[in-house]
Amino acid sequence: AYLDGELDSEFQNRTAWEMRYVSNSNAPNHQLEWCRTMLQNYHPDIMEWPDYKWKYALIVKMDVHYNQLQWTSKPRTYDQMISGGGEC
């Protein structure tokens, strides 16, 4: 995904400690691909935000109603997490 330009170019400047949660996901590849595609289509400007602290988390303050999840089906998926409230 990084070599295809699907990930933030800033990742190359981050330490392993800073990236520890980027690759620590239990989601299957097709769900991670869906999240990347959705974010690129919905908020393409997010890759250019200068405030790295809030770069990806700010979406829960702006666009996603942040609340306790209401799971709609099983298995639980990342698209359900985002549409259901985003609280992890």
N, C-alpha and C. Protein backbone atom coordinates (compact mmCIF):
# COMPACT_ATOMS: atom_id res chain seq x y z
N ALA A 1 0.82 -1.19 0.00
CA ALA A 1 0.00 0.00 0.00
C ALA A 1 0.88 1.26 0.00
N TYR A 2 1.96 1.25 0.78
CA TYR A 2 2.83 2.43 0.81
C TYR A 2 3.48 2.66 -0.55
N LEU A 3 3.98 1.60 -1.16
CA LEU A 3 4.65 1.73 -2.45
C LEU A 3 3.69 2.15 -3.55
N ASP A 4 2.40 1.88 -3.39
CA ASP A 4 1.39 2.30 -4.37
C ASP A 4 0.89 3.71 -4.11
N GLY A 5 1.44 4.40 -3.11
CA GLY A 5 1.03 5.76 -2.80
C GLY A 5 -0.29 5.87 -2.05
N GLU A 6 -0.74 4.77 -1.46
CA GLU A 6 -2.02 4.78 -0.74
C GLU A 6 -1.88 5.24 0.70
N LEU A 7 -0.67 5.32 1.21
CA LEU A 7 -0.45 5.71 2.60
C LEU A 7 0.19 7.09 2.67
N ASP A 8 0.13 7.67 3.80
CA ASP A 8 0.70 8.99 4.07
C ASP A 8 2.20 8.99 3.78
N SER A 9 2.66 9.92 2.99
CA SER A 9 4.10 9.99 2.67
C SER A 9 4.93 10.32 3.90
N GLU A 10 4.32 10.89 4.92
CA GLU A 10 5.01 11.21 6.17
C GLU A 10 5.45 9.95 6.92
N PHE A 11 4.86 8.82 6.61
CA PHE A 11 5.21 7.58 7.30
C PHE A 11 6.70 7.27 7.19
N GLN A 12 7.33 7.65 6.11
CA GLN A 12 8.75 7.35 5.94
C GLN A 12 9.62 8.09 6.95
N ASN A 13 9.11 9.15 7.55
CA ASN A 13 9.87 9.94 8.52
C ASN A 13 9.57 9.57 9.96
N ARG A 14 8.73 8.59 10.19
CA ARG A 14 8.32 8.21 11.54
C ARG A 14 9.14 7.05 12.08
N THR A 15 9.29 7.02 13.38
CA THR A 15 10.02 5.94 14.04
C THR A 15 9.11 4.72 14.20
N ALA A 16 9.70 3.61 14.54
CA ALA A 16 8.91 2.40 14.79
C ALA A 16 7.94 2.64 15.94
N TRP A 17 8.36 3.37 16.96
CA TRP A 17 7.48 3.67 18.09
C TRP A 17 6.27 4.48 17.63
N GLU A 18 6.47 5.48 16.79
CA GLU A 18 5.38 6.31 16.30
C GLU A 18 4.42 5.53 15.39
N MET A 19 4.92 4.50 14.76
CA MET A 19 4.12 3.72 13.82
C MET A 19 3.52 2.46 14.44
N ARG A 20 3.67 2.27 15.74
CA ARG A 20 3.29 1.01 16.38
C ARG A 20 1.82 0.67 16.19
N TYR A 21 0.95 1.63 16.07
CA TYR A 21 -0.47 1.32 15.88
C TYR A 21 -0.89 1.30 14.42
N VAL A 22 -0.03 1.75 13.55
CA VAL A 22 -0.36 1.75 12.12
C VAL A 22 -0.43 0.33 11.59
N SER A 23 0.49 -0.50 12.01
CA SER A 23 0.52 -1.87 11.49
C SER A 23 -0.05 -2.88 12.47
N ASN A 24 -0.50 -2.44 13.62
CA ASN A 24 -1.04 -3.34 14.62
C ASN A 24 -2.56 -3.39 14.48
N SER A 25 -3.03 -4.07 13.46
CA SER A 25 -4.47 -4.13 13.21
C SER A 25 -4.89 -5.58 13.02
N ASN A 26 -6.07 -5.89 13.55
CA ASN A 26 -6.60 -7.23 13.35
C ASN A 26 -7.53 -7.29 12.14
N ALA A 27 -7.65 -6.19 11.43
CA ALA A 27 -8.52 -6.15 10.25
C ALA A 27 -7.88 -6.90 9.09
N PRO A 28 -8.70 -7.60 8.31
CA PRO A 28 -8.16 -8.23 7.10
C PRO A 28 -7.82 -7.17 6.06
N ASN A 29 -6.99 -7.53 5.13
CA ASN A 29 -6.50 -6.57 4.13
C ASN A 29 -7.63 -5.86 3.39
N HIS A 30 -8.72 -6.57 3.06
CA HIS A 30 -9.79 -5.92 2.30
C HIS A 30 -10.49 -4.82 3.12
N GLN A 31 -10.54 -4.96 4.44
CA GLN A 31 -11.12 -3.90 5.26
C GLN A 31 -10.17 -2.71 5.38
N LEU A 32 -8.88 -2.96 5.49
CA LEU A 32 -7.91 -1.88 5.53
C LEU A 32 -7.91 -1.11 4.21
N GLU A 33 -8.01 -1.85 3.11
CA GLU A 33 -8.07 -1.20 1.79
C GLU A 33 -9.33 -0.35 1.69
N TRP A 34 -10.47 -0.86 2.19
CA TRP A 34 -11.70 -0.09 2.18
C TRP A 34 -11.54 1.21 2.96
N CYS A 35 -10.92 1.14 4.14
CA CYS A 35 -10.72 2.34 4.96
C CYS A 35 -9.85 3.37 4.24
N ARG A 36 -8.77 2.92 3.61
CA ARG A 36 -7.90 3.84 2.88
C ARG A 36 -8.65 4.49 1.73
N THR A 37 -9.38 3.69 0.96
CA THR A 37 -10.12 4.21 -0.18
C THR A 37 -11.21 5.17 0.28
N MET A 38 -11.93 4.82 1.32
CA MET A 38 -12.99 5.68 1.84
C MET A 38 -12.42 7.02 2.28
N LEU A 39 -11.32 7.00 3.01
CA LEU A 39 -10.73 8.24 3.50
C LEU A 39 -10.20 9.09 2.35
N GLN A 40 -9.58 8.47 1.36
CA GLN A 40 -9.06 9.22 0.21
C GLN A 40 -10.20 9.84 -0.60
N ASN A 41 -11.32 9.15 -0.70
CA ASN A 41 -12.47 9.70 -1.44
C ASN A 41 -13.23 10.73 -0.62
N TYR A 42 -13.43 10.46 0.65
CA TYR A 42 -14.24 11.32 1.50
C TYR A 42 -13.51 12.58 1.94
N HIS A 43 -12.25 12.43 2.32
CA HIS A 43 -11.46 13.54 2.85
C HIS A 43 -10.05 13.51 2.25
N PRO A 44 -9.90 13.75 0.94
CA PRO A 44 -8.56 13.67 0.34
C PRO A 44 -7.59 14.69 0.93
N ASP A 45 -8.09 15.78 1.47
CA ASP A 45 -7.24 16.81 2.05
C ASP A 45 -6.58 16.38 3.36
N ILE A 46 -7.05 15.31 3.95
CA ILE A 46 -6.53 14.89 5.25
C ILE A 46 -5.04 14.55 5.18
N MET A 47 -4.56 14.10 4.04
CA MET A 47 -3.14 13.76 3.89
C MET A 47 -2.26 15.00 3.96
N GLU A 48 -2.84 16.17 3.76
CA GLU A 48 -2.06 17.42 3.74
C GLU A 48 -2.13 18.20 5.05
N TRP A 49 -2.93 17.74 6.01
CA TRP A 49 -3.05 18.48 7.25
C TRP A 49 -1.71 18.53 7.97
N PRO A 50 -1.29 19.71 8.43
CA PRO A 50 0.03 19.84 9.06
C PRO A 50 0.07 19.34 10.52
N ASP A 51 -1.05 19.34 11.21
CA ASP A 51 -1.07 18.93 12.62
C ASP A 51 -1.10 17.40 12.70
N TYR A 52 0.07 16.79 12.82
CA TYR A 52 0.14 15.33 12.79
C TYR A 52 -0.53 14.68 13.98
N LYS A 53 -0.62 15.40 15.10
CA LYS A 53 -1.26 14.84 16.29
C LYS A 53 -2.72 14.50 16.02
N TRP A 54 -3.42 15.35 15.28
CA TRP A 54 -4.85 15.17 15.03
C TRP A 54 -5.16 14.75 13.61
N LYS A 55 -4.16 14.53 12.81
CA LYS A 55 -4.34 14.30 11.38
C LYS A 55 -5.43 13.28 11.05
N TYR A 56 -5.42 12.15 11.69
CA TYR A 56 -6.39 11.10 11.39
C TYR A 56 -7.49 11.01 12.45
N ALA A 57 -7.23 11.48 13.64
CA ALA A 57 -8.23 11.38 14.70
C ALA A 57 -9.26 12.51 14.65
N LEU A 58 -8.94 13.61 14.00
CA LEU A 58 -9.84 14.76 13.96
C LEU A 58 -11.16 14.44 13.28
N ILE A 59 -11.18 13.45 12.43
CA ILE A 59 -12.41 13.09 11.73
C ILE A 59 -13.52 12.71 12.72
N VAL A 60 -13.17 12.19 13.89
CA VAL A 60 -14.21 11.85 14.86
C VAL A 60 -14.76 13.08 15.57
N LYS A 61 -14.07 14.19 15.48
CA LYS A 61 -14.59 15.44 16.03
C LYS A 61 -15.38 16.22 14.98
N MET A 62 -15.12 15.96 13.72
CA MET A 62 -15.75 16.74 12.66
C MET A 62 -16.89 16.00 11.96
N ASP A 63 -16.68 14.75 11.60
CA ASP A 63 -17.58 14.07 10.69
C ASP A 63 -18.27 12.83 11.24
N VAL A 64 -17.62 12.13 12.13
CA VAL A 64 -18.17 10.89 12.66
C VAL A 64 -18.69 11.15 14.06
N HIS A 65 -19.96 10.83 14.28
CA HIS A 65 -20.51 10.98 15.62
C HIS A 65 -19.83 9.97 16.53
N TYR A 66 -19.10 10.45 17.51
CA TYR A 66 -18.30 9.59 18.38
C TYR A 66 -19.15 9.14 19.56
N ASN A 67 -19.52 7.89 19.55
CA ASN A 67 -20.33 7.35 20.63
C ASN A 67 -20.09 5.85 20.76
N GLN A 68 -20.79 5.24 21.69
CA GLN A 68 -20.67 3.79 21.85
C GLN A 68 -21.23 3.10 20.61
N LEU A 69 -20.51 2.14 20.14
CA LEU A 69 -20.89 1.46 18.90
C LEU A 69 -22.19 0.69 19.00
N GLN A 70 -22.92 0.71 17.93
CA GLN A 70 -24.11 -0.12 17.77
C GLN A 70 -23.80 -1.09 16.63
N TRP A 71 -23.28 -2.24 16.96
CA TRP A 71 -22.89 -3.22 15.94
C TRP A 71 -24.15 -3.70 15.23
N THR A 72 -24.10 -3.74 13.91
CA THR A 72 -25.28 -4.10 13.12
C THR A 72 -25.27 -5.55 12.65
N SER A 73 -24.12 -6.19 12.64
CA SER A 73 -24.06 -7.58 12.21
C SER A 73 -22.74 -8.19 12.66
N LYS A 74 -22.64 -9.48 12.44
CA LYS A 74 -21.38 -10.18 12.73
C LYS A 74 -20.89 -10.80 11.44
N PRO A 75 -19.61 -10.87 11.21
CA PRO A 75 -18.55 -10.40 12.09
C PRO A 75 -18.49 -8.87 12.13
N ARG A 76 -17.92 -8.35 13.19
CA ARG A 76 -17.74 -6.91 13.33
C ARG A 76 -16.66 -6.45 12.35
N THR A 77 -16.94 -5.35 11.67
CA THR A 77 -16.01 -4.86 10.64
C THR A 77 -15.67 -3.40 10.89
N TYR A 78 -14.63 -2.93 10.24
CA TYR A 78 -14.20 -1.56 10.43
C TYR A 78 -15.17 -0.56 9.81
N ASP A 79 -15.84 -0.91 8.74
CA ASP A 79 -16.84 0.01 8.20
C ASP A 79 -18.00 0.19 9.17
N GLN A 80 -18.37 -0.87 9.90
CA GLN A 80 -19.39 -0.75 10.93
C GLN A 80 -18.89 0.16 12.08
N MET A 81 -17.62 0.04 12.41
CA MET A 81 -17.07 0.84 13.50
C MET A 81 -17.14 2.33 13.14
N ILE A 82 -16.81 2.66 11.92
CA ILE A 82 -16.83 4.07 11.52
C ILE A 82 -18.26 4.58 11.42
N SER A 83 -19.14 3.83 10.80
CA SER A 83 -20.51 4.29 10.65
C SER A 83 -21.29 4.21 11.96
N GLY A 84 -20.85 3.36 12.88
CA GLY A 84 -21.57 3.16 14.12
C GLY A 84 -21.15 4.08 15.25
N GLY A 85 -20.13 4.89 15.05
CA GLY A 85 -19.75 5.83 16.10
C GLY A 85 -18.28 5.96 16.35
N GLY A 86 -17.50 5.00 15.92
CA GLY A 86 -16.05 5.14 15.97
C GLY A 86 -15.38 4.93 17.32
N GLU A 87 -16.13 4.72 18.39
CA GLU A 87 -15.48 4.56 19.69
C GLU A 87 -14.88 3.17 19.78
N CYS A 88 -13.59 3.12 20.03
CA CYS A 88 -12.88 1.85 20.07
C CYS A 88 -12.83 1.30 21.48
